[in-house]
Protein backbone atom coordinates (compact mmCIF):
# COMPACT_ATOMS: atom_id res chain seq x y z
CA MET A 1 -15.65 -12.43 -18.85
CA ARG A 2 -17.16 -11.41 -15.51
CA ARG A 3 -14.78 -9.84 -13.02
CA LEU A 4 -14.75 -8.30 -9.57
CA GLU A 5 -15.19 -4.55 -9.59
CA ALA A 6 -15.55 -3.42 -5.95
CA VAL A 7 -14.77 -4.32 -2.36
CA ILE A 8 -16.96 -2.97 0.45
CA PHE A 9 -15.50 -2.97 3.96
CA ASP A 10 -17.11 -2.69 7.37
CA TRP A 11 -15.43 -0.42 9.92
CA ALA A 12 -15.24 -1.45 13.61
CA GLY A 13 -13.63 -4.87 13.94
CA THR A 14 -12.75 -5.07 10.25
CA THR A 15 -10.66 -2.05 9.21
CA VAL A 16 -10.40 -0.14 12.53
CA ASP A 17 -10.85 -0.86 16.25
CA PHE A 18 -9.31 -4.32 16.73
CA GLY A 19 -11.84 -6.34 18.72
CA SER A 20 -14.74 -3.99 17.89
CA LEU A 21 -14.46 -2.50 21.36
CA ALA A 22 -15.87 1.01 20.86
CA PRO A 23 -19.54 -0.02 20.48
CA VAL A 24 -19.34 -2.32 23.50
CA ARG A 25 -17.73 0.35 25.69
CA ALA A 26 -20.35 2.92 24.69
CA VAL A 27 -23.40 0.66 25.16
CA THR A 28 -22.06 -0.58 28.51
CA GLU A 29 -21.69 3.01 29.70
CA LEU A 30 -25.12 3.98 28.35
CA PHE A 31 -26.94 1.36 30.39
CA ALA A 32 -24.69 1.83 33.44
CA ARG A 33 -25.87 5.45 33.59
CA GLU A 34 -29.43 4.06 33.78
CA GLY A 35 -28.46 1.80 36.67
CA ILE A 36 -28.56 -1.35 34.56
CA ARG A 37 -25.76 -3.80 33.82
CA VAL A 38 -25.64 -5.33 30.34
CA THR A 39 -23.18 -8.11 29.49
CA ASP A 40 -20.71 -7.98 26.62
CA ALA A 41 -22.36 -11.11 25.18
CA ASP A 42 -25.76 -9.40 25.07
CA ILE A 43 -24.25 -6.35 23.39
CA ARG A 44 -22.37 -8.40 20.81
CA ARG A 45 -25.40 -10.55 19.96
CA ASP A 46 -26.70 -8.06 17.38
CA MET A 47 -23.56 -6.03 16.70
CA GLY A 48 -23.29 -4.26 13.37
CA ILE A 49 -26.89 -3.13 12.98
CA PHE A 50 -27.94 0.54 13.18
CA LYS A 51 -27.37 1.72 16.73
CA ARG A 52 -30.99 2.69 17.41
CA ASP A 53 -32.03 -0.80 16.30
CA HIS A 54 -29.25 -2.27 18.43
CA ILE A 55 -30.54 -0.54 21.55
CA ARG A 56 -34.06 -1.76 20.76
CA LYS A 57 -32.79 -5.34 20.42
CA ILE A 58 -31.00 -5.16 23.77
CA LEU A 59 -34.07 -3.77 25.52
CA GLY A 60 -36.10 -6.61 24.01
CA LEU A 61 -34.06 -9.29 25.75
CA ALA A 62 -36.04 -10.93 28.54
CA GLU A 63 -33.41 -10.27 31.21
CA MET A 64 -33.11 -6.63 30.14
CA GLU A 65 -36.89 -6.14 30.22
CA SER A 66 -36.87 -7.48 33.78
CA ALA A 67 -33.97 -5.27 34.81
CA TRP A 68 -35.66 -2.23 33.26
CA LEU A 69 -38.91 -3.04 35.09
CA VAL A 70 -37.09 -3.27 38.42
CA GLU A 71 -35.11 -0.06 37.87
CA LYS A 72 -37.74 2.07 36.13
CA GLY A 73 -41.04 0.60 37.30
CA SER A 74 -42.31 -0.25 33.82
CA LEU A 75 -41.34 -2.27 30.78
CA PRO A 76 -39.24 -0.45 28.15
CA THR A 77 -41.14 1.38 25.42
CA GLU A 78 -40.28 2.84 22.02
CA ALA A 79 -39.98 6.22 23.73
CA ASP A 80 -37.27 4.71 25.94
CA VAL A 81 -35.46 3.47 22.83
CA GLU A 82 -35.47 6.98 21.35
CA GLU A 83 -34.33 8.57 24.62
CA LEU A 84 -31.51 6.05 25.04
CA PHE A 85 -30.39 6.53 21.45
CA GLU A 86 -30.12 10.28 21.98
CA LYS A 87 -28.07 9.69 25.13
CA PHE A 88 -25.95 7.11 23.33
CA ILE A 89 -24.74 9.45 20.58
CA PRO A 90 -22.45 11.68 22.70
CA ILE A 91 -21.15 8.67 24.64
CA GLN A 92 -20.17 6.88 21.43
CA MET A 93 -18.58 10.05 20.02
CA GLU A 94 -16.42 10.29 23.15
CA VAL A 95 -15.29 6.67 22.83
CA LEU A 96 -14.61 6.60 19.08
CA GLU A 97 -11.44 8.68 19.10
CA ALA A 98 -9.69 6.15 21.32
CA HIS A 99 -10.77 3.24 19.08
CA SER A 100 -10.10 4.55 15.57
CA GLN A 101 -6.69 2.98 15.00
CA LEU A 102 -6.37 1.26 11.64
CA ILE A 103 -5.99 -2.52 11.97
CA PHE A 104 -2.64 -3.81 10.76
CA GLY A 105 -2.38 -4.52 7.06
CA VAL A 106 -5.50 -2.59 6.01
CA GLY A 107 -3.59 0.21 4.30
CA ARG A 108 -1.40 -2.19 2.34
CA ILE A 109 -4.33 -4.36 1.28
CA CYS A 110 -6.25 -1.34 0.01
CA GLU A 111 -3.23 -0.22 -2.01
CA ASN A 112 -3.12 -3.69 -3.55
CA LEU A 113 -6.84 -3.62 -4.31
CA THR A 114 -6.51 -0.27 -6.03
CA GLY A 115 -3.67 -1.76 -8.06
CA ARG A 116 -6.09 -4.52 -9.11
CA ASP A 117 -8.48 -1.85 -10.43
CA LEU A 118 -11.00 -2.50 -7.67
CA LYS A 119 -13.10 0.30 -6.22
CA ILE A 120 -13.21 0.55 -2.42
CA ALA A 121 -16.23 1.51 -0.35
CA SER A 122 -17.47 1.06 3.20
CA THR A 123 -20.67 0.68 5.22
CA THR A 124 -21.33 0.94 8.95
CA GLY A 125 -23.97 0.80 11.65
CA TYR A 126 -22.74 4.12 13.04
CA THR A 127 -24.46 7.45 12.41
CA ARG A 128 -22.99 9.94 9.92
CA PRO A 129 -21.23 12.09 12.58
CA MET A 130 -19.70 8.93 14.09
CA LEU A 131 -18.62 7.73 10.68
CA GLN A 132 -17.04 11.10 9.99
CA VAL A 133 -14.82 10.70 13.06
CA LEU A 134 -13.59 7.39 11.64
CA LEU A 135 -13.16 8.79 8.13
CA ASP A 136 -11.06 11.71 9.37
CA SER A 137 -8.88 9.44 11.49
CA ALA A 138 -8.52 6.80 8.77
CA MET A 139 -7.55 9.41 6.20
CA SER A 140 -4.73 10.59 8.46
CA GLN A 141 -3.54 6.96 8.57
CA GLY A 142 -3.67 6.49 4.79
CA TYR A 143 -7.05 4.77 4.35
CA LYS A 144 -9.68 6.57 2.28
CA PRO A 145 -12.58 4.60 0.76
CA GLU A 146 -14.04 6.18 -2.36
CA LEU A 147 -17.54 6.03 -0.88
CA SER A 148 -18.67 5.49 2.71
CA LEU A 149 -22.32 5.09 3.71
CA CYS A 150 -24.26 4.79 6.95
CA PRO A 151 -27.93 4.02 7.66
CA ASP A 152 -28.70 7.75 7.75
CA ASP A 153 -27.87 7.93 4.04
CA VAL A 154 -30.35 5.31 2.87
CA GLY A 155 -33.10 5.11 5.48
CA GLY A 156 -32.16 1.79 7.08
CA GLY A 157 -29.27 -0.31 8.29
CA ARG A 158 -28.10 -3.90 8.15
CA PRO A 159 -29.12 -6.54 7.34
CA LEU A 160 -31.09 -4.50 4.82
CA PRO A 161 -29.07 -4.27 1.59
CA TRP A 162 -29.71 -0.60 0.90
CA MET A 163 -26.21 0.75 1.62
CA CYS A 164 -24.60 -1.90 -0.58
CA LEU A 165 -27.15 -1.32 -3.34
CA ARG A 166 -26.53 2.44 -3.24
CA ILE A 167 -22.82 1.74 -3.61
CA ALA A 168 -23.48 -0.52 -6.60
CA LEU A 169 -25.48 2.28 -8.22
CA GLU A 170 -22.93 5.00 -7.42
CA PHE A 171 -20.07 2.87 -8.75
CA GLN A 172 -22.20 1.79 -11.74
CA LEU A 173 -21.23 -1.85 -11.23
CA SER A 174 -22.10 -4.31 -13.96
CA SER A 175 -24.00 -6.34 -11.34
CA THR A 176 -24.13 -6.73 -7.57
CA ALA A 177 -22.23 -10.01 -8.06
CA ALA A 178 -19.22 -7.91 -9.07
CA ALA A 179 -18.86 -6.73 -5.46
CA VAL A 180 -17.53 -8.34 -2.28
CA LYS A 181 -18.66 -7.23 1.19
CA ILE A 182 -16.31 -7.86 4.12
CA GLY A 183 -17.29 -7.62 7.77
CA ASP A 184 -17.05 -9.23 11.19
CA THR A 185 -20.72 -9.71 12.15
CA PRO A 186 -23.69 -11.78 10.96
CA SER A 187 -25.42 -8.49 10.09
CA ASP A 188 -22.57 -7.70 7.67
CA ILE A 189 -23.04 -11.09 6.08
CA GLY A 190 -26.80 -10.61 5.86
CA GLU A 191 -26.31 -7.20 4.25
CA ALA A 192 -24.07 -8.73 1.57
CA ARG A 193 -26.29 -11.72 0.85
CA ASN A 194 -29.44 -9.58 0.70
CA ALA A 195 -27.67 -7.33 -1.81
CA GLY A 196 -26.65 -10.27 -4.00
CA MET A 197 -22.96 -9.79 -3.23
CA TRP A 198 -20.17 -12.11 -2.12
CA ALA A 199 -19.77 -12.17 1.66
CA ILE A 200 -16.49 -12.61 3.53
CA GLY A 201 -16.40 -12.78 7.32
CA VAL A 202 -13.42 -11.54 9.35
CA VAL A 203 -12.86 -13.37 12.61
CA ALA A 204 -9.75 -12.50 14.62
CA THR A 205 -10.07 -8.72 14.72
CA GLY A 206 -13.81 -8.42 15.20
CA ASN A 207 -16.94 -9.21 17.11
CA GLU A 208 -16.55 -13.00 17.12
CA ILE A 209 -13.43 -12.82 19.31
CA GLY A 210 -14.01 -9.41 20.88
CA MET A 211 -10.53 -8.92 22.28
CA SER A 212 -7.97 -6.15 22.03
CA THR A 213 -4.76 -6.76 20.11
CA GLU A 214 -2.91 -7.40 23.38
CA GLU A 215 -5.55 -9.76 24.80
CA PHE A 216 -5.70 -11.77 21.60
CA ALA A 217 -1.92 -12.04 21.40
CA ALA A 218 -1.77 -13.25 25.01
CA LEU A 219 -3.92 -16.34 24.29
CA ASP A 220 -2.04 -19.61 24.05
CA GLU A 221 -2.02 -21.15 20.59
CA ASP A 222 -4.62 -23.84 21.30
CA GLU A 223 -7.10 -21.42 22.86
CA ARG A 224 -6.59 -18.91 20.06
CA GLU A 225 -7.29 -21.54 17.41
CA ARG A 226 -10.32 -22.81 19.32
CA ARG A 227 -11.87 -19.36 19.36
CA LEU A 228 -11.00 -18.71 15.73
CA LYS A 229 -12.59 -22.01 14.70
CA ILE A 230 -15.83 -21.13 16.48
CA GLY A 231 -15.81 -17.66 14.94
CA ARG A 232 -15.30 -19.01 11.42
CA GLU A 233 -18.12 -21.51 11.92
CA ASN A 234 -20.47 -18.79 13.19
CA LEU A 235 -19.89 -16.48 10.22
CA LEU A 236 -20.13 -19.31 7.71
CA ALA A 237 -23.38 -20.39 9.36
CA ALA A 238 -24.62 -16.80 8.98
CA GLY A 239 -24.13 -17.16 5.23
CA ALA A 240 -20.58 -16.03 4.53
CA HIS A 241 -19.08 -17.54 1.40
CA TYR A 242 -15.67 -17.44 3.10
CA ALA A 243 -14.29 -16.67 6.56
CA ILE A 244 -10.79 -15.28 7.06
CA ASP A 245 -8.93 -14.45 10.24
CA HIS A 246 -7.54 -11.06 9.17
CA VAL A 247 -8.06 -8.59 6.34
CA VAL A 248 -4.48 -9.33 5.28
CA ASP A 249 -5.74 -12.80 4.26
CA LEU A 250 -8.14 -11.29 1.72
CA GLU A 251 -6.42 -11.40 -1.66
CA PRO A 252 -6.27 -15.19 -2.19
CA ILE A 253 -10.02 -15.29 -1.45
CA LEU A 254 -10.67 -12.57 -4.01
CA ASP A 255 -8.79 -14.70 -6.53
CA LYS A 256 -11.09 -17.65 -5.76
CA ILE A 257 -14.18 -15.48 -6.14
CA ALA A 258 -12.88 -14.10 -9.44
CA GLU A 259 -12.45 -17.68 -10.70
CA ARG A 260 -15.99 -18.56 -9.64
CA LEU A 261 -17.36 -15.48 -11.37
CA ASP A 262 -15.47 -16.28 -14.55
CA ALA A 263 -16.90 -19.80 -14.42
CA GLY A 264 -20.41 -18.37 -14.36
CA GLU A 265 -21.16 -18.72 -10.64
CA TRP A 266 -23.18 -16.12 -8.73
CA PRO A 267 -23.25 -15.38 -5.01
């Protein structure tokens, strides 16, 4: 009988930082200091990938190339990517503390998963020092994954599968199909699928909605459901096997995946 053995969570927008606001705030400030305005939509387009790669993607947008040319007198280069990334690190570190609150229900769900004899791990697009800020804060709130990896640890970030594959090796899983990866961005989904794992997208608390707890709660019911529907469709289109609104909705989906595994299905 095949069974689930591990659950791998994303951080911002999935387990902490409702709305995945910290990366947006930091990138907005980074470019503002260069005299360039970048929209939230452009920042969120490639959210979840390694932050150096994220900056490169933003600079590669046609409108950003034009803005950079006007402001700096030349098109952006790889040297500009490296310089911006170095400037980004302290800005993001400053912002993280204010956006490290555990999302409701995460602690309880993880207790339940441990009770189901499931190992818990995490991956992120943040650097190791940034991840450490989140780990320290999460631990004080009762959330402590057994293993947490960032791109620094494996030489590359999402959608490459390397963090998930390292976790599978460290946990000595019977197969990658015995693991579920949960996140709020297409890059999370790509990471899971490339690793041969089950992929679950989280909609309400993450990048697809991009609102704080208060902003999301203030939406009228019809508008909230409209946005959730679009978010679910986007993550399913990115390859998610399932899309849920909140992490608290996870366990029934794990039961479905366990049934599919037992029936001989693979992700």
